[in-house]
């Protein structure tokens, strides 16, 4: 794999394992509204999608007002449970530090809220270590729309060919494709090798260390 000037990362299941917190928050909301029989694996398969889309997939509900109510309840749950139940993958800090030392610019493009990402990473990384974080509250059109990636490219004043987007899900692969940047998949999450390999990619990695 060639070296890039800019590395943009998804967050959940790419840099960090927040699945325990995510499952807990979804399950608290789902059970409150009597949605039963939804497995942890089903919940995990929605990671990377918007909260409304995930709730719709799990419950079959399409009413926008109901999904917005569930979203708000999830956010309240996450304020309590998410950070304490989120853990960076063992290689994350070392890989980011090496890329930064080699002169690369680093960013995160996520459907997760920016303040939540900063809350966790503020305890793990030096201030201003990352060049940009684009969270779910920063875009009108979430992934797989390319808005977040394109905003980062403009903010960092770089060329698309100098950018690698790294993620764990087909949503991330679709985002990179829509933004016309290279994609590398990482098998930290619930998405399989074959599912990621169906999309244009420069690598499918077992861990971020392969960067």
N, C-alpha and C. Protein backbone atom coordinates (compact mmCIF):
# COMPACT_ATOMS: atom_id res chain seq x y z
N UNK A 1 0.85 -1.20 0.00
CA UNK A 1 0.00 0.00 0.00
C UNK A 1 0.88 1.25 0.00
N UNK A 2 0.53 2.21 -0.85
CA UNK A 2 1.32 3.44 -0.92
C UNK A 2 1.07 4.30 0.32
N UNK A 3 1.94 5.25 0.53
CA UNK A 3 1.73 6.21 1.62
C UNK A 3 0.84 7.34 1.13
N UNK A 4 0.03 7.87 2.03
CA UNK A 4 -0.88 8.96 1.71
C UNK A 4 -0.54 10.17 2.57
N UNK A 5 -0.93 11.34 2.08
CA UNK A 5 -0.70 12.57 2.86
C UNK A 5 -1.78 12.78 3.92
N UNK A 6 -2.96 12.21 3.67
CA UNK A 6 -4.10 12.38 4.57
C UNK A 6 -4.77 11.03 4.82
N UNK A 7 -4.99 10.71 6.09
CA UNK A 7 -5.70 9.50 6.48
C UNK A 7 -6.96 9.91 7.24
N UNK A 8 -8.10 9.56 6.68
CA UNK A 8 -9.39 9.84 7.33
C UNK A 8 -9.97 8.51 7.81
N UNK A 9 -10.42 8.49 9.05
CA UNK A 9 -10.88 7.25 9.68
C UNK A 9 -12.34 7.36 10.09
N UNK A 10 -13.06 6.25 9.92
CA UNK A 10 -14.29 6.06 10.66
C UNK A 10 -13.90 5.90 12.13
N UNK A 11 -14.87 5.94 13.03
CA UNK A 11 -14.54 5.79 14.46
C UNK A 11 -14.94 4.43 15.02
N UNK A 12 -16.25 4.17 15.09
CA UNK A 12 -16.72 2.92 15.69
C UNK A 12 -16.27 1.71 14.87
N UNK A 13 -15.66 0.76 15.56
CA UNK A 13 -15.17 -0.48 14.95
C UNK A 13 -13.99 -0.25 14.01
N UNK A 14 -13.49 0.99 13.93
CA UNK A 14 -12.28 1.27 13.14
C UNK A 14 -11.15 1.68 14.07
N UNK A 15 -11.35 2.76 14.83
CA UNK A 15 -10.37 3.17 15.83
C UNK A 15 -10.70 2.64 17.21
N UNK A 16 -11.97 2.41 17.46
CA UNK A 16 -12.40 2.05 18.82
C UNK A 16 -13.50 1.00 18.78
N UNK A 17 -13.56 0.22 19.84
CA UNK A 17 -14.65 -0.74 20.03
C UNK A 17 -15.62 -0.15 21.05
N UNK A 18 -16.69 0.40 20.55
CA UNK A 18 -17.73 0.96 21.42
C UNK A 18 -18.97 0.08 21.39
N UNK A 19 -18.81 -1.16 20.92
CA UNK A 19 -19.97 -2.03 20.72
C UNK A 19 -20.70 -2.32 22.02
N UNK A 20 -19.97 -2.46 23.12
CA UNK A 20 -20.64 -2.74 24.39
C UNK A 20 -21.55 -1.59 24.79
N UNK A 21 -21.06 -0.37 24.67
CA UNK A 21 -21.87 0.79 24.98
C UNK A 21 -23.02 0.97 24.01
N UNK A 22 -22.76 0.73 22.73
CA UNK A 22 -23.80 0.89 21.72
C UNK A 22 -24.93 -0.10 21.95
N UNK A 23 -24.57 -1.37 22.16
CA UNK A 23 -25.60 -2.39 22.40
C UNK A 23 -26.41 -2.04 23.64
N UNK A 24 -25.74 -1.59 24.70
CA UNK A 24 -26.42 -1.24 25.94
C UNK A 24 -27.43 -0.11 25.70
N UNK A 25 -27.01 0.92 24.98
CA UNK A 25 -27.88 2.08 24.75
C UNK A 25 -29.08 1.71 23.87
N UNK A 26 -28.81 0.99 22.78
CA UNK A 26 -29.91 0.56 21.92
C UNK A 26 -30.89 -0.32 22.69
N UNK A 27 -30.34 -1.27 23.44
CA UNK A 27 -31.21 -2.22 24.13
C UNK A 27 -32.07 -1.52 25.17
N UNK A 28 -31.53 -0.56 25.88
CA UNK A 28 -32.32 0.18 26.86
C UNK A 28 -33.51 0.87 26.21
N UNK A 29 -33.27 1.48 25.04
CA UNK A 29 -34.37 2.17 24.33
C UNK A 29 -35.35 1.15 23.77
N UNK A 30 -34.84 0.11 23.14
CA UNK A 30 -35.71 -0.89 22.51
C UNK A 30 -36.62 -1.56 23.54
N UNK A 31 -36.03 -1.95 24.66
CA UNK A 31 -36.82 -2.64 25.68
C UNK A 31 -37.84 -1.71 26.34
N UNK A 32 -37.49 -0.45 26.45
CA UNK A 32 -38.42 0.53 27.01
C UNK A 32 -39.70 0.61 26.16
N UNK A 33 -39.53 0.39 24.87
CA UNK A 33 -40.67 0.47 23.95
C UNK A 33 -41.13 -0.92 23.50
N UNK A 34 -40.74 -1.94 24.25
CA UNK A 34 -41.26 -3.30 24.08
C UNK A 34 -40.88 -3.95 22.75
N UNK A 35 -39.70 -3.60 22.24
CA UNK A 35 -39.17 -4.29 21.06
C UNK A 35 -38.26 -5.42 21.57
N UNK A 36 -38.69 -6.64 21.37
CA UNK A 36 -37.96 -7.80 21.90
C UNK A 36 -37.46 -8.68 20.76
N UNK A 37 -36.60 -9.63 21.10
CA UNK A 37 -36.11 -10.59 20.12
C UNK A 37 -35.04 -10.06 19.20
N UNK A 38 -34.48 -8.89 19.51
CA UNK A 38 -33.42 -8.30 18.69
C UNK A 38 -32.08 -8.69 19.31
N UNK A 39 -31.26 -9.40 18.56
CA UNK A 39 -30.01 -9.92 19.10
C UNK A 39 -28.92 -8.85 19.12
N UNK A 40 -27.90 -9.09 19.94
CA UNK A 40 -26.75 -8.20 19.96
C UNK A 40 -26.11 -8.11 18.58
N UNK A 41 -26.05 -9.22 17.86
CA UNK A 41 -25.44 -9.23 16.53
C UNK A 41 -26.22 -8.35 15.57
N UNK A 42 -27.54 -8.37 15.66
CA UNK A 42 -28.36 -7.51 14.81
C UNK A 42 -28.06 -6.05 15.09
N UNK A 43 -27.93 -5.71 16.37
CA UNK A 43 -27.59 -4.33 16.74
C UNK A 43 -26.22 -3.95 16.19
N UNK A 44 -25.25 -4.83 16.36
CA UNK A 44 -23.88 -4.54 15.92
C UNK A 44 -23.79 -4.34 14.41
N UNK A 45 -24.64 -5.05 13.67
CA UNK A 45 -24.62 -4.93 12.21
C UNK A 45 -25.09 -3.55 11.74
N UNK A 46 -25.73 -2.78 12.61
CA UNK A 46 -26.18 -1.44 12.21
C UNK A 46 -25.16 -0.36 12.55
N UNK A 47 -24.09 -0.71 13.25
CA UNK A 47 -23.09 0.29 13.65
C UNK A 47 -22.52 0.95 12.40
N UNK A 48 -22.48 2.26 12.42
CA UNK A 48 -22.02 3.04 11.27
C UNK A 48 -23.15 3.74 10.55
N UNK A 49 -24.37 3.27 10.76
CA UNK A 49 -25.53 3.92 10.18
C UNK A 49 -26.03 5.00 11.15
N UNK A 50 -26.92 5.86 10.68
CA UNK A 50 -27.49 6.86 11.59
C UNK A 50 -28.36 6.17 12.62
N UNK A 51 -28.61 6.85 13.73
CA UNK A 51 -29.45 6.26 14.78
C UNK A 51 -30.85 5.98 14.26
N UNK A 52 -31.42 6.91 13.51
CA UNK A 52 -32.77 6.70 12.99
C UNK A 52 -32.81 5.50 12.05
N UNK A 53 -31.82 5.40 11.17
CA UNK A 53 -31.79 4.28 10.23
C UNK A 53 -31.64 2.96 10.97
N UNK A 54 -30.79 2.95 11.99
CA UNK A 54 -30.57 1.73 12.76
C UNK A 54 -31.84 1.29 13.47
N UNK A 55 -32.53 2.23 14.12
CA UNK A 55 -33.77 1.89 14.80
C UNK A 55 -34.82 1.38 13.80
N UNK A 56 -34.86 1.97 12.63
CA UNK A 56 -35.81 1.53 11.61
C UNK A 56 -35.52 0.11 11.16
N UNK A 57 -34.24 -0.19 10.95
CA UNK A 57 -33.85 -1.53 10.53
C UNK A 57 -34.24 -2.56 11.59
N UNK A 58 -34.03 -2.22 12.84
CA UNK A 58 -34.26 -3.19 13.92
C UNK A 58 -35.74 -3.37 14.25
N UNK A 59 -36.54 -2.32 14.07
CA UNK A 59 -37.94 -2.37 14.51
C UNK A 59 -38.95 -2.40 13.38
N UNK A 60 -38.51 -2.01 12.18
CA UNK A 60 -39.45 -1.90 11.07
C UNK A 60 -40.22 -0.60 11.06
N UNK A 61 -40.00 0.24 12.05
CA UNK A 61 -40.70 1.53 12.14
C UNK A 61 -40.14 2.50 11.09
N UNK A 62 -41.04 3.20 10.42
CA UNK A 62 -40.62 4.20 9.44
C UNK A 62 -41.11 5.60 9.78
N UNK A 63 -41.94 5.73 10.80
CA UNK A 63 -42.46 7.04 11.18
C UNK A 63 -41.33 7.92 11.71
N UNK A 64 -41.14 9.06 11.07
CA UNK A 64 -40.00 9.93 11.37
C UNK A 64 -40.05 10.45 12.81
N UNK A 65 -41.22 10.79 13.30
CA UNK A 65 -41.34 11.34 14.66
C UNK A 65 -40.96 10.29 15.71
N UNK A 66 -41.39 9.06 15.48
CA UNK A 66 -41.05 7.98 16.42
C UNK A 66 -39.55 7.71 16.40
N UNK A 67 -38.97 7.66 15.22
CA UNK A 67 -37.54 7.42 15.11
C UNK A 67 -36.74 8.55 15.75
N UNK A 68 -37.21 9.79 15.62
CA UNK A 68 -36.53 10.93 16.25
C UNK A 68 -36.64 10.83 17.76
N UNK A 69 -37.77 10.36 18.28
CA UNK A 69 -37.92 10.17 19.71
C UNK A 69 -36.93 9.11 20.21
N UNK A 70 -36.82 8.02 19.48
CA UNK A 70 -35.87 6.97 19.86
C UNK A 70 -34.44 7.51 19.82
N UNK A 71 -34.14 8.33 18.80
CA UNK A 71 -32.79 8.91 18.69
C UNK A 71 -32.46 9.73 19.93
N UNK A 72 -33.39 10.58 20.34
CA UNK A 72 -33.16 11.43 21.50
C UNK A 72 -32.97 10.59 22.76
N UNK A 73 -33.74 9.53 22.89
CA UNK A 73 -33.59 8.66 24.05
C UNK A 73 -32.23 7.96 24.03
N UNK A 74 -31.79 7.54 22.85
CA UNK A 74 -30.48 6.91 22.72
C UNK A 74 -29.37 7.87 23.15
N UNK A 75 -29.45 9.12 22.71
CA UNK A 75 -28.42 10.10 23.06
C UNK A 75 -28.33 10.27 24.57
N UNK A 76 -29.48 10.30 25.24
CA UNK A 76 -29.47 10.41 26.71
C UNK A 76 -28.81 9.19 27.34
N UNK A 77 -29.10 8.01 26.81
CA UNK A 77 -28.46 6.79 27.30
C UNK A 77 -26.95 6.87 27.08
N UNK A 78 -26.57 7.34 25.89
CA UNK A 78 -25.15 7.40 25.56
C UNK A 78 -24.40 8.39 26.44
N UNK A 79 -25.06 9.47 26.84
CA UNK A 79 -24.42 10.43 27.74
C UNK A 79 -24.00 9.76 29.04
N UNK A 80 -24.72 8.73 29.42
CA UNK A 80 -24.42 8.02 30.66
C UNK A 80 -23.46 6.86 30.46
N UNK A 81 -23.65 6.10 29.38
CA UNK A 81 -22.98 4.81 29.26
C UNK A 81 -21.86 4.72 28.23
N UNK A 82 -21.81 5.62 27.24
CA UNK A 82 -20.97 5.36 26.08
C UNK A 82 -19.47 5.45 26.36
N UNK A 83 -19.01 6.54 26.93
CA UNK A 83 -17.57 6.73 27.07
C UNK A 83 -16.94 5.66 27.96
N UNK A 84 -17.62 5.30 29.04
CA UNK A 84 -17.09 4.29 29.95
C UNK A 84 -17.04 2.91 29.31
N UNK A 85 -17.79 2.72 28.23
CA UNK A 85 -17.86 1.41 27.59
C UNK A 85 -17.28 1.43 26.18
N UNK A 86 -16.35 2.35 25.94
CA UNK A 86 -15.67 2.46 24.66
C UNK A 86 -14.17 2.33 24.87
N UNK A 87 -13.52 1.52 24.04
CA UNK A 87 -12.10 1.23 24.22
C UNK A 87 -11.40 1.30 22.86
N UNK A 88 -10.31 2.04 22.80
CA UNK A 88 -9.51 2.07 21.58
C UNK A 88 -8.91 0.70 21.33
N UNK A 89 -8.81 0.33 20.06
CA UNK A 89 -8.13 -0.92 19.73
C UNK A 89 -6.66 -0.81 20.12
N UNK A 90 -6.03 -1.94 20.45
CA UNK A 90 -4.68 -1.90 21.01
C UNK A 90 -3.66 -1.15 20.16
N UNK A 91 -3.82 -1.20 18.82
CA UNK A 91 -2.83 -0.59 17.95
C UNK A 91 -3.15 0.85 17.57
N UNK A 92 -4.33 1.35 17.97
CA UNK A 92 -4.80 2.65 17.46
C UNK A 92 -3.83 3.79 17.75
N UNK A 93 -3.45 3.96 18.98
CA UNK A 93 -2.59 5.10 19.35
C UNK A 93 -1.25 5.02 18.63
N UNK A 94 -0.65 3.83 18.60
CA UNK A 94 0.66 3.68 17.95
C UNK A 94 0.57 3.99 16.46
N UNK A 95 -0.44 3.47 15.79
CA UNK A 95 -0.59 3.71 14.36
C UNK A 95 -0.80 5.19 14.07
N UNK A 96 -1.71 5.83 14.80
CA UNK A 96 -1.95 7.26 14.59
C UNK A 96 -0.69 8.08 14.84
N UNK A 97 0.04 7.72 15.89
CA UNK A 97 1.25 8.45 16.24
C UNK A 97 2.31 8.31 15.15
N UNK A 98 2.46 7.10 14.62
CA UNK A 98 3.45 6.89 13.55
C UNK A 98 3.08 7.65 12.29
N UNK A 99 1.81 7.62 11.92
CA UNK A 99 1.37 8.36 10.74
C UNK A 99 1.61 9.85 10.92
N UNK A 100 1.30 10.35 12.11
CA UNK A 100 1.50 11.77 12.40
C UNK A 100 2.99 12.12 12.37
N UNK A 101 3.80 11.27 12.93
CA UNK A 101 5.26 11.50 12.95
C UNK A 101 5.82 11.53 11.53
N UNK A 102 5.20 10.76 10.65
CA UNK A 102 5.66 10.72 9.25
C UNK A 102 5.11 11.88 8.43
N UNK A 103 4.38 12.78 9.07
CA UNK A 103 3.93 14.00 8.39
C UNK A 103 2.53 13.96 7.82
N UNK A 104 1.81 12.88 8.06
CA UNK A 104 0.45 12.79 7.52
C UNK A 104 -0.52 13.63 8.35
N UNK A 105 -1.56 14.10 7.68
CA UNK A 105 -2.68 14.73 8.37
C UNK A 105 -3.72 13.66 8.69
N UNK A 106 -4.37 13.80 9.84
CA UNK A 106 -5.29 12.77 10.32
C UNK A 106 -6.65 13.36 10.63
N UNK A 107 -7.69 12.61 10.30
CA UNK A 107 -9.03 13.07 10.62
C UNK A 107 -9.98 11.91 10.86
N UNK A 108 -11.13 12.22 11.42
CA UNK A 108 -12.19 11.24 11.68
C UNK A 108 -13.46 11.73 11.02
N UNK A 109 -14.12 10.83 10.29
CA UNK A 109 -15.42 11.11 9.68
C UNK A 109 -16.37 10.05 10.20
N UNK A 110 -17.36 10.45 10.99
CA UNK A 110 -18.18 9.46 11.68
C UNK A 110 -19.63 9.93 11.77
N UNK A 111 -20.55 8.95 11.87
CA UNK A 111 -21.93 9.30 12.20
C UNK A 111 -22.09 9.53 13.69
N UNK A 112 -21.08 9.13 14.47
CA UNK A 112 -21.09 9.40 15.91
C UNK A 112 -20.93 10.90 16.13
N UNK A 113 -21.50 11.43 17.19
CA UNK A 113 -21.41 12.86 17.44
C UNK A 113 -19.98 13.26 17.79
N UNK A 114 -19.58 14.41 17.25
CA UNK A 114 -18.20 14.87 17.43
C UNK A 114 -17.84 15.04 18.91
N UNK A 115 -18.76 15.60 19.70
CA UNK A 115 -18.44 15.83 21.10
C UNK A 115 -18.17 14.52 21.84
N UNK A 116 -18.84 13.44 21.39
CA UNK A 116 -18.62 12.15 22.03
C UNK A 116 -17.24 11.60 21.69
N UNK A 117 -16.85 11.76 20.44
CA UNK A 117 -15.53 11.32 20.02
C UNK A 117 -14.45 12.10 20.77
N UNK A 118 -14.64 13.40 20.87
CA UNK A 118 -13.66 14.25 21.55
C UNK A 118 -13.59 13.93 23.04
N UNK A 119 -14.73 13.56 23.61
CA UNK A 119 -14.76 13.20 25.03
C UNK A 119 -13.86 12.02 25.31
N UNK A 120 -13.89 11.03 24.42
CA UNK A 120 -13.04 9.84 24.60
C UNK A 120 -11.59 10.12 24.23
N UNK A 121 -11.37 10.70 23.05
CA UNK A 121 -10.00 10.88 22.57
C UNK A 121 -9.24 11.93 23.36
N UNK A 122 -9.96 12.85 23.99
CA UNK A 122 -9.30 13.86 24.81
C UNK A 122 -8.52 13.26 25.96
N UNK A 123 -8.89 12.05 26.35
CA UNK A 123 -8.19 11.35 27.43
C UNK A 123 -7.03 10.50 26.91
N UNK A 124 -6.96 10.33 25.58
CA UNK A 124 -6.00 9.40 25.00
C UNK A 124 -4.95 10.07 24.11
N UNK A 125 -5.28 11.23 23.54
CA UNK A 125 -4.40 11.88 22.58
C UNK A 125 -4.11 13.31 23.01
N UNK A 126 -2.94 13.85 22.61
CA UNK A 126 -2.63 15.24 22.93
C UNK A 126 -3.65 16.19 22.28
N UNK A 127 -3.81 17.35 22.85
CA UNK A 127 -4.72 18.35 22.31
C UNK A 127 -4.31 18.72 20.89
N UNK A 128 -5.28 18.84 20.00
CA UNK A 128 -5.06 19.20 18.59
C UNK A 128 -4.24 18.17 17.83
N UNK A 129 -4.19 16.94 18.32
CA UNK A 129 -3.46 15.88 17.63
C UNK A 129 -4.10 15.59 16.27
N UNK A 130 -5.41 15.52 16.25
CA UNK A 130 -6.13 15.28 15.00
C UNK A 130 -6.36 16.61 14.28
N UNK A 131 -6.28 16.57 12.96
CA UNK A 131 -6.42 17.78 12.17
C UNK A 131 -7.88 18.15 11.94
N UNK A 132 -8.78 17.16 11.98
CA UNK A 132 -10.19 17.44 11.82
C UNK A 132 -11.03 16.27 12.34
N UNK A 133 -12.17 16.58 12.94
CA UNK A 133 -13.17 15.58 13.31
C UNK A 133 -14.50 16.07 12.76
N UNK A 134 -15.13 15.25 11.93
CA UNK A 134 -16.45 15.56 11.38
C UNK A 134 -17.42 14.53 11.96
N UNK A 135 -18.33 14.99 12.80
CA UNK A 135 -19.29 14.11 13.43
C UNK A 135 -20.66 14.18 12.80
N UNK A 136 -21.57 13.39 13.32
CA UNK A 136 -22.90 13.32 12.76
C UNK A 136 -23.64 14.64 12.78
N UNK A 137 -23.32 15.50 13.76
CA UNK A 137 -24.01 16.79 13.87
C UNK A 137 -23.44 17.83 12.91
N UNK A 138 -22.37 17.48 12.19
CA UNK A 138 -21.69 18.46 11.35
C UNK A 138 -22.11 18.40 9.88
N UNK A 139 -22.95 17.44 9.52
CA UNK A 139 -23.32 17.26 8.11
C UNK A 139 -24.84 17.24 7.96
N UNK A 140 -25.29 17.64 6.80
CA UNK A 140 -26.71 17.54 6.45
C UNK A 140 -27.04 16.14 5.94
N UNK A 141 -26.06 15.55 5.27
CA UNK A 141 -26.28 14.23 4.65
C UNK A 141 -25.21 13.26 5.17
N UNK A 142 -25.58 12.34 6.05
CA UNK A 142 -24.61 11.43 6.67
C UNK A 142 -24.10 10.38 5.69
N UNK A 143 -23.05 9.69 6.10
CA UNK A 143 -22.54 8.58 5.29
C UNK A 143 -23.68 7.60 4.99
N UNK A 144 -23.68 7.03 3.78
CA UNK A 144 -22.61 6.99 2.78
C UNK A 144 -22.53 8.20 1.85
N UNK A 145 -23.29 9.26 2.10
CA UNK A 145 -23.08 10.49 1.34
C UNK A 145 -21.65 10.98 1.60
N UNK A 146 -21.02 11.58 0.61
CA UNK A 146 -19.61 11.97 0.75
C UNK A 146 -19.38 13.29 1.45
N UNK A 147 -20.42 13.92 1.97
CA UNK A 147 -20.32 15.29 2.49
C UNK A 147 -19.20 15.45 3.52
N UNK A 148 -19.13 14.55 4.50
CA UNK A 148 -18.13 14.67 5.55
C UNK A 148 -16.72 14.56 5.02
N UNK A 149 -16.49 13.60 4.13
CA UNK A 149 -15.15 13.42 3.54
C UNK A 149 -14.79 14.63 2.69
N UNK A 150 -15.72 15.10 1.89
CA UNK A 150 -15.43 16.25 1.02
C UNK A 150 -15.19 17.51 1.84
N UNK A 151 -15.92 17.67 2.94
CA UNK A 151 -15.67 18.81 3.82
C UNK A 151 -14.25 18.74 4.38
N UNK A 152 -13.82 17.56 4.81
CA UNK A 152 -12.46 17.40 5.35
C UNK A 152 -11.41 17.70 4.29
N UNK A 153 -11.64 17.23 3.08
CA UNK A 153 -10.69 17.48 1.99
C UNK A 153 -10.55 18.98 1.75
N UNK A 154 -11.67 19.69 1.75
CA UNK A 154 -11.62 21.13 1.56
C UNK A 154 -10.94 21.84 2.71
N UNK A 155 -11.26 21.41 3.94
CA UNK A 155 -10.67 22.03 5.13
C UNK A 155 -9.17 21.80 5.18
N UNK A 156 -8.73 20.61 4.78
CA UNK A 156 -7.31 20.27 4.84
C UNK A 156 -6.56 20.70 3.58
N UNK A 157 -7.29 21.21 2.60
CA UNK A 157 -6.69 21.73 1.37
C UNK A 157 -5.79 20.68 0.72
N UNK A 158 -6.38 19.51 0.45
CA UNK A 158 -5.60 18.43 -0.15
C UNK A 158 -6.32 17.90 -1.39
N UNK A 159 -5.62 17.07 -2.14
CA UNK A 159 -6.19 16.45 -3.33
C UNK A 159 -6.79 15.10 -2.97
N UNK A 160 -7.83 14.71 -3.70
CA UNK A 160 -8.48 13.43 -3.43
C UNK A 160 -7.50 12.26 -3.55
N UNK A 161 -6.59 12.35 -4.50
CA UNK A 161 -5.66 11.24 -4.71
C UNK A 161 -4.65 11.09 -3.57
N UNK A 162 -4.58 12.09 -2.69
CA UNK A 162 -3.67 12.03 -1.55
C UNK A 162 -4.36 11.53 -0.28
N UNK A 163 -5.63 11.11 -0.41
CA UNK A 163 -6.45 10.75 0.76
C UNK A 163 -6.76 9.26 0.78
N UNK A 164 -6.62 8.65 1.94
CA UNK A 164 -7.10 7.29 2.18
C UNK A 164 -8.17 7.34 3.25
N UNK A 165 -9.33 6.76 2.96
CA UNK A 165 -10.39 6.65 3.96
C UNK A 165 -10.40 5.22 4.48
N UNK A 166 -10.37 5.08 5.80
CA UNK A 166 -10.26 3.77 6.45
C UNK A 166 -11.53 3.52 7.26
N UNK A 167 -12.17 2.38 7.02
CA UNK A 167 -13.38 2.06 7.77
C UNK A 167 -13.63 0.57 7.82
N UNK A 168 -14.64 0.20 8.60
CA UNK A 168 -14.91 -1.23 8.84
C UNK A 168 -16.16 -1.73 8.16
N UNK A 169 -16.97 -0.87 7.56
CA UNK A 169 -18.29 -1.28 7.11
C UNK A 169 -18.50 -0.97 5.63
N UNK A 170 -19.55 -1.57 5.07
CA UNK A 170 -19.90 -1.26 3.68
C UNK A 170 -20.33 0.19 3.54
N UNK A 171 -20.88 0.77 4.60
CA UNK A 171 -21.21 2.20 4.58
C UNK A 171 -19.95 3.03 4.34
N UNK A 172 -18.85 2.64 5.00
CA UNK A 172 -17.58 3.35 4.81
C UNK A 172 -17.05 3.17 3.39
N UNK A 173 -17.16 1.94 2.87
CA UNK A 173 -16.71 1.68 1.50
C UNK A 173 -17.51 2.51 0.51
N UNK A 174 -18.82 2.60 0.72
CA UNK A 174 -19.68 3.39 -0.16
C UNK A 174 -19.35 4.88 -0.04
N UNK A 175 -19.00 5.32 1.17
CA UNK A 175 -18.64 6.72 1.39
C UNK A 175 -17.38 7.08 0.61
N UNK A 176 -16.37 6.24 0.70
CA UNK A 176 -15.12 6.49 -0.03
C UNK A 176 -15.38 6.51 -1.54
N UNK A 177 -16.19 5.57 -1.99
CA UNK A 177 -16.51 5.50 -3.42
C UNK A 177 -17.24 6.77 -3.88
N UNK A 178 -18.19 7.23 -3.08
CA UNK A 178 -18.95 8.43 -3.43
C UNK A 178 -18.06 9.67 -3.44
N UNK A 179 -17.07 9.69 -2.53
CA UNK A 179 -16.15 10.84 -2.44
C UNK A 179 -15.00 10.74 -3.43
N UNK A 180 -14.89 9.59 -4.09
CA UNK A 180 -13.82 9.35 -5.08
C UNK A 180 -12.44 9.41 -4.44
N UNK A 181 -12.32 8.75 -3.27
CA UNK A 181 -11.03 8.60 -2.62
C UNK A 181 -10.76 7.11 -2.41
N UNK A 182 -9.50 6.76 -2.20
CA UNK A 182 -9.14 5.37 -1.95
C UNK A 182 -9.72 4.90 -0.62
N UNK A 183 -10.00 3.60 -0.55
CA UNK A 183 -10.59 2.99 0.64
C UNK A 183 -9.75 1.81 1.11
N UNK A 184 -9.56 1.73 2.42
CA UNK A 184 -8.97 0.54 3.04
C UNK A 184 -9.92 0.05 4.11
N UNK A 185 -10.27 -1.21 4.06
CA UNK A 185 -11.15 -1.79 5.06
C UNK A 185 -10.37 -2.43 6.18
N UNK A 186 -10.95 -2.42 7.38
CA UNK A 186 -10.34 -3.09 8.52
C UNK A 186 -11.39 -4.01 9.14
N UNK A 187 -10.96 -5.22 9.50
CA UNK A 187 -11.90 -6.26 9.93
C UNK A 187 -12.07 -6.29 11.45
N UNK A 188 -12.27 -5.12 12.04
CA UNK A 188 -12.50 -5.03 13.48
C UNK A 188 -13.96 -5.29 13.85
N UNK A 189 -14.85 -5.12 12.89
CA UNK A 189 -16.27 -5.08 13.21
C UNK A 189 -17.03 -6.32 12.76
N UNK A 190 -18.32 -6.11 12.48
CA UNK A 190 -19.21 -7.21 12.13
C UNK A 190 -19.25 -7.48 10.63
N UNK A 191 -18.62 -6.63 9.83
CA UNK A 191 -18.61 -6.79 8.38
C UNK A 191 -17.51 -7.74 7.96
N UNK A 192 -17.82 -8.64 7.03
CA UNK A 192 -16.87 -9.67 6.63
C UNK A 192 -15.91 -9.17 5.55
N UNK A 193 -14.85 -9.94 5.36
CA UNK A 193 -13.87 -9.64 4.30
C UNK A 193 -14.56 -9.56 2.95
N UNK A 194 -15.38 -10.56 2.64
CA UNK A 194 -16.03 -10.60 1.33
C UNK A 194 -16.97 -9.41 1.12
N UNK A 195 -17.65 -9.00 2.18
CA UNK A 195 -18.55 -7.84 2.07
C UNK A 195 -17.77 -6.58 1.74
N UNK A 196 -16.62 -6.38 2.38
CA UNK A 196 -15.80 -5.19 2.10
C UNK A 196 -15.11 -5.30 0.74
N UNK A 197 -14.67 -6.51 0.40
CA UNK A 197 -13.91 -6.71 -0.84
C UNK A 197 -14.77 -6.51 -2.08
N UNK A 198 -16.09 -6.48 -1.92
CA UNK A 198 -16.99 -6.25 -3.05
C UNK A 198 -16.91 -4.81 -3.55
N UNK A 199 -16.28 -3.94 -2.77
CA UNK A 199 -16.16 -2.52 -3.13
C UNK A 199 -14.72 -2.22 -3.54
N UNK A 200 -14.51 -1.15 -4.32
CA UNK A 200 -13.14 -0.76 -4.66
C UNK A 200 -12.32 -0.52 -3.39
N UNK A 201 -11.11 -1.06 -3.34
CA UNK A 201 -10.29 -0.93 -2.14
C UNK A 201 -8.82 -1.09 -2.49
N UNK A 202 -7.98 -0.53 -1.65
CA UNK A 202 -6.53 -0.74 -1.80
C UNK A 202 -6.03 -1.79 -0.84
N UNK A 203 -6.82 -2.09 0.19
CA UNK A 203 -6.45 -3.11 1.16
C UNK A 203 -7.64 -3.48 2.00
N UNK A 204 -7.66 -4.74 2.47
CA UNK A 204 -8.57 -5.19 3.50
C UNK A 204 -7.67 -5.72 4.61
N UNK A 205 -7.67 -5.08 5.78
CA UNK A 205 -6.68 -5.33 6.81
C UNK A 205 -7.31 -6.02 8.03
N UNK A 206 -6.54 -6.88 8.66
CA UNK A 206 -6.99 -7.47 9.91
C UNK A 206 -6.95 -6.45 11.03
N UNK A 207 -5.92 -5.60 11.04
CA UNK A 207 -5.80 -4.55 12.04
C UNK A 207 -5.23 -3.29 11.38
N UNK A 208 -5.33 -2.18 12.10
CA UNK A 208 -4.77 -0.92 11.57
C UNK A 208 -3.27 -0.95 11.46
N UNK A 209 -2.62 -1.88 12.13
CA UNK A 209 -1.16 -1.96 12.09
C UNK A 209 -0.65 -2.14 10.66
N UNK A 210 -1.48 -2.68 9.78
CA UNK A 210 -1.07 -2.91 8.40
C UNK A 210 -0.93 -1.60 7.63
N UNK A 211 -1.42 -0.50 8.19
CA UNK A 211 -1.19 0.80 7.55
C UNK A 211 0.29 1.18 7.59
